[in-house]
Amino acid sequence: MGDQAIGASILVIEDNKVIAEFIQLVLEEKGFKVQTAPDGEAGLAACLNLKPDLVLCDLVLPGIDGFEVIRRAAENPETTSIPFIYISAKSDRASVREGMGLGAEDYISKPFTPAEILQAVQTRLKRRRG
């Protein structure tokens, strides 16, 4: 995996508690520091407060959706450089394009495996750190 991922902070914005806890467990087992947020508003606040190395964000959230989360994060100078990976059951081409157009760096379709989450996270962190 490489040392660049050890200790990296990751924010998981996911309203399904079981999925959020699953992702947190998978990532913490590999040495990541993981925080979770149950909705878009809490996720944006956590993004500002924590300034994580990476955000995994569901598209369908209560309140503001994942598209709006990344839109607002991209507009804020304090969070604009944080890479986002979308996770969603909405894997239609229009949703993927919209997310990527807003600046998401990757897209993971539900259901996913631990290996898919780890590979996407490690790839994005490696690119970010050069």
N, C-alpha and C. Protein backbone atom coordinates (compact mmCIF):
# COMPACT_ATOMS: atom_id res chain seq x y z
N MET A 1 0.81 -1.18 0.00
CA MET A 1 0.00 0.00 0.00
C MET A 1 0.85 1.24 0.00
N GLY A 2 1.95 1.28 0.69
CA GLY A 2 2.79 2.47 0.71
C GLY A 2 2.52 3.32 1.92
N ASP A 3 3.55 4.05 2.34
CA ASP A 3 3.44 4.85 3.55
C ASP A 3 2.57 6.09 3.41
N GLN A 4 2.34 6.56 2.17
CA GLN A 4 1.63 7.82 2.02
C GLN A 4 0.20 7.77 2.58
N ALA A 5 -0.37 6.60 2.68
CA ALA A 5 -1.75 6.51 3.15
C ALA A 5 -1.84 6.41 4.67
N ILE A 6 -0.78 5.96 5.32
CA ILE A 6 -0.85 5.76 6.76
C ILE A 6 -1.09 7.09 7.45
N GLY A 7 -2.14 7.11 8.25
CA GLY A 7 -2.46 8.31 9.00
C GLY A 7 -3.23 9.37 8.24
N ALA A 8 -3.50 9.14 6.96
CA ALA A 8 -4.28 10.12 6.20
C ALA A 8 -5.68 10.22 6.79
N SER A 9 -6.24 11.42 6.78
CA SER A 9 -7.58 11.61 7.34
C SER A 9 -8.63 11.56 6.23
N ILE A 10 -9.68 10.82 6.49
CA ILE A 10 -10.75 10.64 5.51
C ILE A 10 -12.09 10.94 6.18
N LEU A 11 -12.89 11.73 5.48
CA LEU A 11 -14.24 12.02 5.93
C LEU A 11 -15.20 11.21 5.08
N VAL A 12 -16.10 10.48 5.73
CA VAL A 12 -17.12 9.69 5.04
C VAL A 12 -18.47 10.35 5.31
N ILE A 13 -19.10 10.86 4.25
CA ILE A 13 -20.43 11.48 4.36
C ILE A 13 -21.43 10.48 3.80
N GLU A 14 -22.15 9.82 4.69
CA GLU A 14 -23.04 8.71 4.32
C GLU A 14 -24.16 8.62 5.33
N ASP A 15 -25.41 8.66 4.87
CA ASP A 15 -26.55 8.63 5.79
C ASP A 15 -26.90 7.24 6.27
N ASN A 16 -26.46 6.20 5.57
CA ASN A 16 -26.73 4.83 6.00
C ASN A 16 -25.64 4.44 7.01
N LYS A 17 -26.05 4.32 8.27
CA LYS A 17 -25.09 4.08 9.35
C LYS A 17 -24.30 2.78 9.15
N VAL A 18 -24.94 1.75 8.65
CA VAL A 18 -24.27 0.46 8.43
C VAL A 18 -23.17 0.62 7.38
N ILE A 19 -23.48 1.31 6.29
CA ILE A 19 -22.48 1.52 5.24
C ILE A 19 -21.34 2.41 5.74
N ALA A 20 -21.69 3.47 6.46
CA ALA A 20 -20.67 4.38 7.00
C ALA A 20 -19.72 3.63 7.93
N GLU A 21 -20.28 2.80 8.81
CA GLU A 21 -19.45 2.04 9.75
C GLU A 21 -18.60 1.00 9.03
N PHE A 22 -19.14 0.40 7.98
CA PHE A 22 -18.39 -0.58 7.19
C PHE A 22 -17.18 0.10 6.54
N ILE A 23 -17.39 1.24 5.90
CA ILE A 23 -16.29 1.97 5.25
C ILE A 23 -15.26 2.39 6.29
N GLN A 24 -15.75 2.89 7.43
CA GLN A 24 -14.84 3.33 8.50
C GLN A 24 -13.97 2.16 8.97
N LEU A 25 -14.57 1.01 9.19
CA LEU A 25 -13.83 -0.17 9.64
C LEU A 25 -12.77 -0.59 8.62
N VAL A 26 -13.17 -0.66 7.35
CA VAL A 26 -12.24 -1.06 6.29
C VAL A 26 -11.04 -0.12 6.25
N LEU A 27 -11.29 1.18 6.33
CA LEU A 27 -10.20 2.16 6.22
C LEU A 27 -9.35 2.23 7.48
N GLU A 28 -9.98 2.15 8.64
CA GLU A 28 -9.21 2.19 9.90
C GLU A 28 -8.30 0.99 10.03
N GLU A 29 -8.72 -0.17 9.50
CA GLU A 29 -7.86 -1.36 9.54
C GLU A 29 -6.57 -1.15 8.76
N LYS A 30 -6.59 -0.22 7.81
CA LYS A 30 -5.40 0.08 7.01
C LYS A 30 -4.65 1.32 7.50
N GLY A 31 -5.03 1.83 8.67
CA GLY A 31 -4.29 2.92 9.28
C GLY A 31 -4.79 4.33 8.98
N PHE A 32 -5.94 4.44 8.32
CA PHE A 32 -6.50 5.77 8.06
C PHE A 32 -7.21 6.30 9.30
N LYS A 33 -7.26 7.61 9.44
CA LYS A 33 -8.06 8.27 10.48
C LYS A 33 -9.38 8.63 9.81
N VAL A 34 -10.48 8.09 10.32
CA VAL A 34 -11.77 8.25 9.66
C VAL A 34 -12.78 8.94 10.56
N GLN A 35 -13.46 9.92 10.00
CA GLN A 35 -14.59 10.58 10.65
C GLN A 35 -15.80 10.36 9.75
N THR A 36 -16.98 10.31 10.34
CA THR A 36 -18.19 10.15 9.53
C THR A 36 -19.14 11.30 9.80
N ALA A 37 -19.99 11.57 8.81
CA ALA A 37 -21.05 12.57 8.94
C ALA A 37 -22.31 11.97 8.33
N PRO A 38 -23.48 12.17 8.98
CA PRO A 38 -24.71 11.50 8.54
C PRO A 38 -25.50 12.22 7.45
N ASP A 39 -25.12 13.45 7.09
CA ASP A 39 -25.85 14.18 6.06
C ASP A 39 -24.96 15.26 5.44
N GLY A 40 -25.48 15.92 4.43
CA GLY A 40 -24.70 16.90 3.70
C GLY A 40 -24.26 18.10 4.53
N GLU A 41 -25.17 18.64 5.33
CA GLU A 41 -24.83 19.81 6.15
C GLU A 41 -23.72 19.46 7.15
N ALA A 42 -23.88 18.35 7.84
CA ALA A 42 -22.86 17.91 8.81
C ALA A 42 -21.55 17.60 8.08
N GLY A 43 -21.66 17.05 6.88
CA GLY A 43 -20.47 16.73 6.09
C GLY A 43 -19.70 17.98 5.70
N LEU A 44 -20.42 19.01 5.27
CA LEU A 44 -19.76 20.28 4.92
C LEU A 44 -19.09 20.89 6.13
N ALA A 45 -19.78 20.89 7.27
CA ALA A 45 -19.20 21.44 8.49
C ALA A 45 -17.94 20.67 8.88
N ALA A 46 -18.01 19.34 8.80
CA ALA A 46 -16.84 18.51 9.13
C ALA A 46 -15.70 18.76 8.15
N CYS A 47 -16.03 18.96 6.90
CA CYS A 47 -15.02 19.23 5.88
C CYS A 47 -14.26 20.52 6.24
N LEU A 48 -14.98 21.54 6.65
CA LEU A 48 -14.36 22.81 7.04
C LEU A 48 -13.53 22.67 8.30
N ASN A 49 -14.07 21.96 9.29
CA ASN A 49 -13.38 21.83 10.58
C ASN A 49 -12.17 20.90 10.50
N LEU A 50 -12.32 19.78 9.81
CA LEU A 50 -11.28 18.75 9.80
C LEU A 50 -10.25 18.94 8.68
N LYS A 51 -10.68 19.53 7.57
CA LYS A 51 -9.84 19.63 6.36
C LYS A 51 -9.17 18.28 6.07
N PRO A 52 -10.00 17.27 5.80
CA PRO A 52 -9.47 15.92 5.58
C PRO A 52 -8.63 15.83 4.31
N ASP A 53 -7.85 14.76 4.22
CA ASP A 53 -7.05 14.52 3.03
C ASP A 53 -7.91 14.05 1.86
N LEU A 54 -9.09 13.51 2.18
CA LEU A 54 -9.98 12.94 1.16
C LEU A 54 -11.39 12.85 1.73
N VAL A 55 -12.39 12.98 0.86
CA VAL A 55 -13.79 12.83 1.27
C VAL A 55 -14.44 11.76 0.41
N LEU A 56 -15.10 10.81 1.08
CA LEU A 56 -15.98 9.85 0.41
C LEU A 56 -17.39 10.33 0.68
N CYS A 57 -18.16 10.62 -0.37
CA CYS A 57 -19.47 11.25 -0.18
C CYS A 57 -20.56 10.53 -0.96
N ASP A 58 -21.61 10.15 -0.26
CA ASP A 58 -22.78 9.57 -0.91
C ASP A 58 -23.46 10.68 -1.72
N LEU A 59 -24.14 10.31 -2.79
CA LEU A 59 -24.87 11.30 -3.58
C LEU A 59 -26.23 11.60 -2.98
N VAL A 60 -26.93 10.57 -2.53
CA VAL A 60 -28.28 10.74 -2.00
C VAL A 60 -28.19 10.88 -0.49
N LEU A 61 -28.41 12.12 -0.02
CA LEU A 61 -28.30 12.43 1.41
C LEU A 61 -29.52 13.23 1.84
N PRO A 62 -29.88 13.15 3.12
CA PRO A 62 -30.95 14.03 3.60
C PRO A 62 -30.46 15.48 3.59
N GLY A 63 -31.38 16.40 3.37
CA GLY A 63 -30.99 17.81 3.30
C GLY A 63 -30.32 18.09 1.97
N ILE A 64 -29.10 18.58 1.99
CA ILE A 64 -28.41 18.83 0.73
C ILE A 64 -27.75 17.54 0.24
N ASP A 65 -27.82 17.31 -1.07
CA ASP A 65 -27.28 16.07 -1.62
C ASP A 65 -25.78 16.17 -1.86
N GLY A 66 -25.20 15.06 -2.28
CA GLY A 66 -23.77 15.00 -2.51
C GLY A 66 -23.28 15.95 -3.59
N PHE A 67 -24.11 16.20 -4.60
CA PHE A 67 -23.72 17.16 -5.64
C PHE A 67 -23.54 18.55 -5.03
N GLU A 68 -24.48 18.93 -4.16
CA GLU A 68 -24.41 20.26 -3.53
C GLU A 68 -23.24 20.33 -2.55
N VAL A 69 -22.94 19.23 -1.88
CA VAL A 69 -21.80 19.21 -0.96
C VAL A 69 -20.51 19.54 -1.71
N ILE A 70 -20.28 18.85 -2.82
CA ILE A 70 -19.03 19.11 -3.55
C ILE A 70 -19.05 20.50 -4.19
N ARG A 71 -20.23 20.96 -4.63
CA ARG A 71 -20.34 22.29 -5.22
C ARG A 71 -19.91 23.35 -4.19
N ARG A 72 -20.44 23.22 -2.99
CA ARG A 72 -20.11 24.20 -1.93
C ARG A 72 -18.66 24.07 -1.47
N ALA A 73 -18.17 22.84 -1.38
CA ALA A 73 -16.77 22.64 -0.97
C ALA A 73 -15.82 23.24 -2.01
N ALA A 74 -16.17 23.10 -3.29
CA ALA A 74 -15.33 23.63 -4.36
C ALA A 74 -15.31 25.16 -4.37
N GLU A 75 -16.39 25.78 -3.89
CA GLU A 75 -16.48 27.25 -3.87
C GLU A 75 -15.74 27.86 -2.69
N ASN A 76 -15.42 27.05 -1.68
CA ASN A 76 -14.76 27.56 -0.48
C ASN A 76 -13.24 27.39 -0.61
N PRO A 77 -12.48 28.49 -0.52
CA PRO A 77 -11.02 28.40 -0.67
C PRO A 77 -10.37 27.44 0.33
N GLU A 78 -11.00 27.24 1.49
CA GLU A 78 -10.42 26.36 2.51
C GLU A 78 -10.60 24.87 2.19
N THR A 79 -11.56 24.56 1.33
CA THR A 79 -11.85 23.15 1.05
C THR A 79 -11.78 22.80 -0.44
N THR A 80 -11.48 23.75 -1.28
CA THR A 80 -11.53 23.52 -2.72
C THR A 80 -10.54 22.46 -3.23
N SER A 81 -9.43 22.29 -2.53
CA SER A 81 -8.43 21.32 -3.01
C SER A 81 -8.61 19.92 -2.44
N ILE A 82 -9.60 19.71 -1.59
CA ILE A 82 -9.82 18.38 -1.01
C ILE A 82 -10.45 17.46 -2.07
N PRO A 83 -9.82 16.32 -2.36
CA PRO A 83 -10.40 15.42 -3.36
C PRO A 83 -11.65 14.70 -2.83
N PHE A 84 -12.63 14.56 -3.71
CA PHE A 84 -13.89 13.89 -3.39
C PHE A 84 -14.02 12.62 -4.22
N ILE A 85 -14.52 11.57 -3.60
CA ILE A 85 -14.92 10.35 -4.29
C ILE A 85 -16.39 10.15 -3.96
N TYR A 86 -17.22 10.04 -4.99
CA TYR A 86 -18.63 9.76 -4.77
C TYR A 86 -18.86 8.28 -4.58
N ILE A 87 -19.79 7.96 -3.68
CA ILE A 87 -20.26 6.58 -3.52
C ILE A 87 -21.77 6.63 -3.64
N SER A 88 -22.32 5.80 -4.51
CA SER A 88 -23.76 5.85 -4.71
C SER A 88 -24.28 4.66 -5.48
N ALA A 89 -25.55 4.38 -5.24
CA ALA A 89 -26.24 3.38 -6.05
C ALA A 89 -26.67 4.00 -7.38
N LYS A 90 -26.63 5.33 -7.47
CA LYS A 90 -26.97 6.03 -8.71
C LYS A 90 -25.76 5.99 -9.65
N SER A 91 -25.69 4.95 -10.46
CA SER A 91 -24.53 4.81 -11.32
C SER A 91 -24.86 5.10 -12.78
N ASP A 92 -25.99 5.78 -13.02
CA ASP A 92 -26.32 6.12 -14.40
C ASP A 92 -25.32 7.15 -14.92
N ARG A 93 -25.15 7.18 -16.20
CA ARG A 93 -24.14 8.03 -16.84
C ARG A 93 -24.32 9.51 -16.49
N ALA A 94 -25.56 10.00 -16.44
CA ALA A 94 -25.80 11.41 -16.14
C ALA A 94 -25.32 11.77 -14.74
N SER A 95 -25.56 10.90 -13.76
CA SER A 95 -25.12 11.17 -12.39
C SER A 95 -23.59 11.16 -12.29
N VAL A 96 -22.98 10.18 -12.95
CA VAL A 96 -21.52 10.09 -12.93
C VAL A 96 -20.92 11.35 -13.57
N ARG A 97 -21.45 11.74 -14.73
CA ARG A 97 -20.94 12.94 -15.40
C ARG A 97 -21.12 14.19 -14.56
N GLU A 98 -22.29 14.33 -13.93
CA GLU A 98 -22.53 15.51 -13.11
C GLU A 98 -21.52 15.58 -11.96
N GLY A 99 -21.31 14.46 -11.30
CA GLY A 99 -20.35 14.42 -10.19
C GLY A 99 -18.94 14.73 -10.64
N MET A 100 -18.53 14.15 -11.74
CA MET A 100 -17.18 14.41 -12.26
C MET A 100 -17.07 15.85 -12.74
N GLY A 101 -18.13 16.37 -13.32
CA GLY A 101 -18.13 17.75 -13.78
C GLY A 101 -17.97 18.75 -12.64
N LEU A 102 -18.46 18.38 -11.48
CA LEU A 102 -18.34 19.25 -10.30
C LEU A 102 -16.98 19.12 -9.64
N GLY A 103 -16.20 18.14 -10.07
CA GLY A 103 -14.85 18.02 -9.53
C GLY A 103 -14.55 16.74 -8.77
N ALA A 104 -15.51 15.82 -8.71
CA ALA A 104 -15.22 14.54 -8.06
C ALA A 104 -14.11 13.84 -8.82
N GLU A 105 -13.24 13.18 -8.08
CA GLU A 105 -12.10 12.52 -8.71
C GLU A 105 -12.34 11.06 -9.02
N ASP A 106 -13.38 10.50 -8.43
CA ASP A 106 -13.69 9.10 -8.70
C ASP A 106 -15.13 8.84 -8.31
N TYR A 107 -15.61 7.65 -8.66
CA TYR A 107 -17.00 7.28 -8.44
C TYR A 107 -17.04 5.80 -8.13
N ILE A 108 -17.61 5.44 -7.00
CA ILE A 108 -17.73 4.04 -6.61
C ILE A 108 -19.21 3.70 -6.53
N SER A 109 -19.62 2.68 -7.28
CA SER A 109 -21.02 2.26 -7.29
C SER A 109 -21.31 1.30 -6.14
N LYS A 110 -22.47 1.49 -5.51
CA LYS A 110 -22.95 0.54 -4.50
C LYS A 110 -23.65 -0.59 -5.24
N PRO A 111 -23.54 -1.82 -4.78
CA PRO A 111 -22.69 -2.26 -3.67
C PRO A 111 -21.23 -2.32 -4.10
N PHE A 112 -20.34 -2.18 -3.13
CA PHE A 112 -18.91 -2.21 -3.42
C PHE A 112 -18.22 -3.14 -2.44
N THR A 113 -17.00 -3.50 -2.77
CA THR A 113 -16.21 -4.39 -1.91
C THR A 113 -15.18 -3.55 -1.14
N PRO A 114 -14.64 -4.09 -0.06
CA PRO A 114 -13.58 -3.39 0.65
C PRO A 114 -12.40 -3.06 -0.28
N ALA A 115 -12.07 -3.99 -1.18
CA ALA A 115 -10.95 -3.77 -2.10
C ALA A 115 -11.21 -2.57 -3.01
N GLU A 116 -12.44 -2.40 -3.45
CA GLU A 116 -12.77 -1.25 -4.31
C GLU A 116 -12.60 0.07 -3.56
N ILE A 117 -13.05 0.11 -2.32
CA ILE A 117 -12.90 1.33 -1.52
C ILE A 117 -11.42 1.63 -1.31
N LEU A 118 -10.67 0.63 -0.89
CA LEU A 118 -9.24 0.83 -0.62
C LEU A 118 -8.48 1.26 -1.86
N GLN A 119 -8.76 0.63 -2.99
CA GLN A 119 -8.06 0.98 -4.22
C GLN A 119 -8.35 2.43 -4.62
N ALA A 120 -9.60 2.84 -4.56
CA ALA A 120 -9.95 4.21 -4.94
C ALA A 120 -9.29 5.23 -4.00
N VAL A 121 -9.34 4.96 -2.71
CA VAL A 121 -8.75 5.87 -1.72
C VAL A 121 -7.24 5.97 -1.92
N GLN A 122 -6.59 4.83 -2.03
CA GLN A 122 -5.13 4.82 -2.18
C GLN A 122 -4.69 5.52 -3.47
N THR A 123 -5.42 5.30 -4.56
CA THR A 123 -5.08 5.93 -5.83
C THR A 123 -5.20 7.45 -5.73
N ARG A 124 -6.28 7.94 -5.14
CA ARG A 124 -6.48 9.39 -5.01
C ARG A 124 -5.45 10.03 -4.10
N LEU A 125 -5.13 9.38 -2.99
CA LEU A 125 -4.12 9.94 -2.08
C LEU A 125 -2.75 9.95 -2.72
N LYS A 126 -2.44 8.92 -3.46
CA LYS A 126 -1.14 8.86 -4.14
C LYS A 126 -1.03 10.00 -5.16
N ARG A 127 -2.09 10.24 -5.91
CA ARG A 127 -2.08 11.33 -6.89
C ARG A 127 -1.95 12.68 -6.21
N ARG A 128 -2.65 12.83 -5.10
CA ARG A 128 -2.64 14.11 -4.40
C ARG A 128 -1.27 14.45 -3.85
N ARG A 129 -0.59 13.43 -3.33
CA ARG A 129 0.70 13.66 -2.71
C ARG A 129 1.86 13.60 -3.69
N GLY A 130 1.55 13.18 -4.92
CA GLY A 130 2.56 13.15 -5.96
C GLY A 130 3.49 12.00 -5.81
